[in-house]
Structures are given as C-alpha cells and as structure tokens.
C-alpha cells in the first residue's frame, strides 16, 4: 500500500515537471527582442536624441515632388519655378507647369539656409536584436544635383530614421509640397508658362 501511494506522488511530481518543462519551453521561444523604434513621431517629425550628419541644401537646384494623386514626379527648377511632370512614376515625360511667383518665393524661403539631417546609422551589432517592421514610406520630395539624390522622408523599415530637413524646415517643406500637389490643376499654385 505504501508503494502505491509513493507511485501516485511520483506520478504527480512527473506531471508537474512536464508542465513546468512545457511552460519553460514556450516562454523560451517567445520573441523577447525589442521592436525597433523609429526616431520620428506619428506626424513624421524627427525626434530629439538621434545624432545626425548635417549638410546644406544649397548645391541641389532641383526639387522633385512626388505627386501621389497622379502617380508622377514633378521636377521643380528652384531658380525658375518651371516644373516638368514625369508620369508613370517617372517613366514618361508629361506636362510642364510654372509655379506662381509667391509659391516659388515660399519654397525658396523654406530652403534658404536649410540643412539636411542624415541620421548616423550604427552597426547592427550596436543595436542589439531588433525586430523591425516591414514598413516602407515613399519620400515626399527628392533633392537632386547631377544625378545625386537626397530622398526626404523615405523609410524602408520601422527601424529607419529618415533623411529629412532639420528642425521645423521638414514640416514646412512637407506642408508646402502637399499644397502644391493638392492644388496643381486648380490654378491656385501655378500660372500659364511663358
């Protein structure tokens, strides 16, 4: 009889050991890595604390806007205000537009003295085991100079800190580009080209 009681206790102990082992196995396979944190807030503004290399926008004579409503690029010559559309996501030359002088002056003022903030990227080993979301955000504008491009606001994953203009200049340029794209055809931002 004593032998039967000790067998039942032994069976209970084995059940608890099996349950504990299964629990530990499940816990050990959980993805406990940190989800990558972007260095931008929900409205797309750069967050303080990230370190940046900074350089001037002055050498870039062309500002290419992404026209998300018509799937075309609008290449703006920053000295003349002439914009050439490239349809089918940049594959086919389209219409030509001319910015109103007030619109050209506004973007020139935004870009005057502006700097580009390029995040300093650390090696993956420095960041630890980050699990980054697959999140792509199209650039809202591209600064161009002889084939060299700076893609403003572009993100390729949830861990990216995008290249953008420094400080409030990024918000100002984003607001300006959205206004031009939204009102491109209604005559409020463009004039007839000479």
Protein backbone atom coordinates (compact mmCIF):
# COMPACT_ATOMS: atom_id res chain seq x y z
CA UNK A 1 0.00 0.00 0.00
CA UNK A 2 2.81 2.38 0.78
CA UNK A 3 4.29 1.54 -2.58
CA UNK A 4 1.03 2.64 -4.36
CA UNK A 5 0.97 6.00 -2.53
CA UNK A 6 4.57 6.76 -3.43
CA UNK A 7 3.84 5.86 -7.08
CA UNK A 8 0.92 8.35 -7.19
CA UNK A 9 3.10 11.06 -5.63
CA UNK A 10 5.82 10.24 -8.14
CA UNK A 11 3.27 10.49 -11.00
CA UNK A 12 2.09 13.90 -9.73
CA UNK A 13 5.66 15.13 -9.48
CA UNK A 14 6.29 13.95 -13.07
CA UNK A 15 3.15 15.77 -14.28
CA UNK A 16 4.28 18.98 -12.61
CA UNK A 17 7.76 18.59 -14.06
CA UNK A 18 6.31 18.03 -17.55
CA UNK A 19 4.01 21.07 -17.18
CA UNK A 20 6.90 23.20 -15.94
CA UNK A 21 9.11 21.99 -18.78
CA UNK A 22 6.43 22.78 -21.39
CA UNK A 23 5.87 26.21 -19.86
CA UNK A 24 9.61 26.96 -19.89
CA UNK A 25 9.83 25.75 -23.49
CA UNK A 26 7.00 28.07 -24.57
CA UNK A 27 8.49 31.03 -22.73
CA UNK A 28 11.94 30.43 -24.20
CA UNK A 29 10.56 30.55 -27.77
CA UNK A 30 8.78 33.88 -27.31
CA UNK A 31 10.24 36.74 -29.33
CA UNK A 32 11.50 38.88 -26.50
CA UNK A 33 13.52 41.22 -28.68
CA UNK A 34 12.63 44.86 -28.71
CA UNK A 35 10.53 46.05 -31.59
CA UNK A 36 12.53 48.66 -33.48
CA UNK A 37 11.70 52.18 -32.52
CA UNK A 38 11.78 54.82 -35.21
CA UNK A 39 13.22 58.18 -34.45
CA UNK A 40 10.20 60.02 -35.78
CA UNK A 41 6.88 60.77 -34.20
CA UNK A 42 3.46 59.88 -35.59
CA UNK A 43 3.31 63.02 -37.74
CA UNK A 44 6.67 62.32 -39.36
CA UNK A 45 8.79 64.77 -37.38
CA UNK A 46 12.32 63.90 -36.27
CA UNK A 47 12.68 63.16 -32.56
CA UNK A 48 15.39 64.73 -30.46
CA UNK A 49 18.20 62.46 -29.28
CA UNK A 50 19.09 60.97 -32.66
CA UNK A 51 22.51 62.09 -33.91
CA UNK A 52 22.80 63.49 -37.44
CA UNK A 53 25.31 64.48 -40.05
CA UNK A 54 24.17 67.86 -41.36
CA UNK A 55 24.82 69.45 -44.73
CA UNK A 56 23.40 72.32 -46.77
CA UNK A 57 20.64 72.07 -49.40
CA UNK A 58 22.31 74.83 -51.43
CA UNK A 59 24.02 72.53 -54.00
CA UNK A 60 20.66 70.99 -55.03
CA UNK A 61 18.98 73.02 -57.84
CA UNK A 62 16.08 70.59 -58.45
CA UNK A 63 13.33 69.62 -56.02
CA UNK A 64 11.33 66.64 -57.25
CA UNK A 65 7.89 66.33 -55.66
CA UNK A 66 6.03 63.04 -55.52
CA UNK A 67 2.52 63.68 -56.89
CA UNK A 68 0.74 60.85 -55.07
CA UNK A 69 -2.64 61.71 -56.64
CA UNK A 70 -1.48 61.27 -60.26
CA UNK A 71 1.50 58.90 -59.71
CA UNK A 72 4.03 61.26 -61.24
CA UNK A 73 7.11 63.21 -60.27
CA UNK A 74 7.16 66.98 -60.59
CA UNK A 75 10.73 68.18 -61.15
CA UNK A 76 10.90 71.79 -59.97
CA UNK A 77 13.76 74.05 -61.06
CA UNK A 78 14.27 76.06 -57.86
CA UNK A 79 15.65 79.09 -59.71
CA UNK A 80 12.92 79.48 -62.38
CA UNK A 81 9.82 77.81 -60.95
CA UNK A 82 9.36 75.59 -64.02
CA UNK A 83 8.06 72.10 -63.21
CA UNK A 84 8.16 69.18 -65.58
CA UNK A 85 5.93 66.21 -64.85
CA UNK A 86 7.18 62.68 -65.33
CA UNK A 87 4.22 60.32 -65.46
CA UNK A 88 4.02 56.60 -64.77
CA UNK A 89 6.23 57.02 -61.70
CA UNK A 90 8.93 58.87 -63.64
CA UNK A 91 8.98 56.84 -66.85
CA UNK A 92 7.20 59.17 -69.32
CA UNK A 93 7.61 62.92 -69.81
CA UNK A 94 4.33 64.75 -69.18
CA UNK A 95 3.02 68.31 -68.84
CA UNK A 96 5.01 71.39 -67.92
CA UNK A 97 3.81 73.73 -65.16
CA UNK A 98 5.05 77.06 -63.85
CA UNK A 99 4.75 77.95 -60.18
CA UNK A 100 3.28 81.29 -59.21
CA UNK A 101 5.97 83.68 -58.03
CA UNK A 102 4.52 83.59 -54.49
CA UNK A 103 4.80 79.78 -54.38
CA UNK A 104 8.37 79.86 -55.71
CA UNK A 105 9.33 82.53 -53.16
CA UNK A 106 7.81 80.41 -50.37
CA UNK A 107 9.79 77.28 -51.21
CA UNK A 108 12.97 79.33 -51.71
CA UNK A 109 12.44 80.82 -48.24
CA UNK A 110 11.92 77.37 -46.71
CA UNK A 111 15.11 76.07 -48.30
CA UNK A 112 17.19 79.22 -47.62
CA UNK A 113 19.79 78.23 -45.04
CA UNK A 114 18.16 74.82 -44.57
CA UNK A 115 20.25 71.80 -43.68
CA UNK A 116 19.69 68.14 -44.42
CA UNK A 117 19.79 65.89 -41.35
CA UNK A 118 21.16 62.47 -42.23
CA UNK A 119 20.84 60.05 -39.29
CA UNK A 120 24.06 58.47 -38.12
CA UNK A 121 23.46 54.75 -38.55
CA UNK A 122 25.14 52.41 -36.12
CA UNK A 123 26.23 48.89 -36.93
CA UNK A 124 23.59 46.21 -36.41
CA UNK A 125 25.72 44.74 -33.60
CA UNK A 126 25.39 48.04 -31.71
CA UNK A 127 21.60 47.97 -31.94
CA UNK A 128 21.17 44.51 -30.43
CA UNK A 129 18.49 42.16 -31.66
CA UNK A 130 15.85 44.46 -33.10
CA UNK A 131 12.75 43.14 -34.80
CA UNK A 132 11.88 45.78 -37.40
CA UNK A 133 8.51 46.02 -39.06
CA UNK A 134 8.32 45.84 -42.84
CA UNK A 135 7.19 49.41 -43.36
CA UNK A 136 8.01 51.49 -46.46
CA UNK A 137 7.21 55.17 -46.71
CA UNK A 138 7.70 56.91 -50.02
CA UNK A 139 9.79 60.11 -50.00
CA UNK A 140 7.63 63.23 -50.19
CA UNK A 141 10.38 65.09 -52.10
CA UNK A 142 13.80 64.44 -53.60
CA UNK A 143 16.61 67.00 -53.81
CA UNK A 144 18.66 66.41 -56.97
CA UNK A 145 22.03 67.59 -58.24
CA UNK A 146 23.62 65.97 -61.32
CA UNK A 147 22.26 62.51 -60.56
CA UNK A 148 22.88 62.71 -56.80
CA UNK A 149 19.63 62.36 -54.86
CA UNK A 150 18.56 63.03 -51.30
CA UNK A 151 15.24 61.28 -50.67
CA UNK A 152 13.46 63.28 -47.98
CA UNK A 153 11.20 61.38 -45.59
CA UNK A 154 11.79 57.94 -47.09
CA UNK A 155 11.65 54.96 -44.74
CA UNK A 156 12.47 51.37 -45.70
CA UNK A 157 11.57 49.74 -42.36
CA UNK A 158 10.05 50.51 -38.99
CA UNK A 159 13.57 50.97 -37.58
CA UNK A 160 14.55 53.71 -40.04
CA UNK A 161 15.11 57.31 -39.08
CA UNK A 162 14.56 59.05 -42.41
CA UNK A 163 16.81 61.64 -44.01
CA UNK A 164 14.96 64.96 -43.94
CA UNK A 165 15.45 68.67 -43.48
CA UNK A 166 16.49 69.65 -39.98
CA UNK A 167 14.07 71.03 -37.39
CA UNK A 168 10.84 72.75 -38.50
CA UNK A 169 12.04 73.08 -42.10
CA UNK A 170 10.96 69.45 -42.68
CA UNK A 171 7.39 70.22 -41.58
CA UNK A 172 7.32 73.41 -43.63
CA UNK A 173 8.54 71.71 -46.81
CA UNK A 174 6.19 68.76 -46.36
CA UNK A 175 3.24 71.12 -45.93
CA UNK A 176 4.32 73.14 -48.99
CA UNK A 177 4.71 70.04 -51.21
CA UNK A 178 1.29 68.69 -50.15
CA UNK A 179 -0.30 72.04 -51.00
CA UNK A 180 1.31 72.13 -54.47
CA UNK A 181 0.31 68.55 -55.25
CA UNK A 182 -3.25 69.02 -54.00
CA UNK A 183 -3.78 72.25 -55.98
CA UNK A 184 -1.65 71.59 -59.06
CA UNK A 185 -4.54 71.72 -61.53
CA UNK A 186 -6.87 74.31 -59.98
CA UNK A 187 -4.77 77.39 -60.81
CA UNK A 188 -4.06 78.43 -57.22
CA UNK A 189 -0.37 77.43 -57.23
CA UNK A 190 0.54 77.55 -60.96
CA UNK A 191 0.37 80.09 -63.77
CA UNK A 192 0.48 79.66 -67.53
CA UNK A 193 4.08 79.17 -68.61
CA UNK A 194 5.60 81.94 -70.77
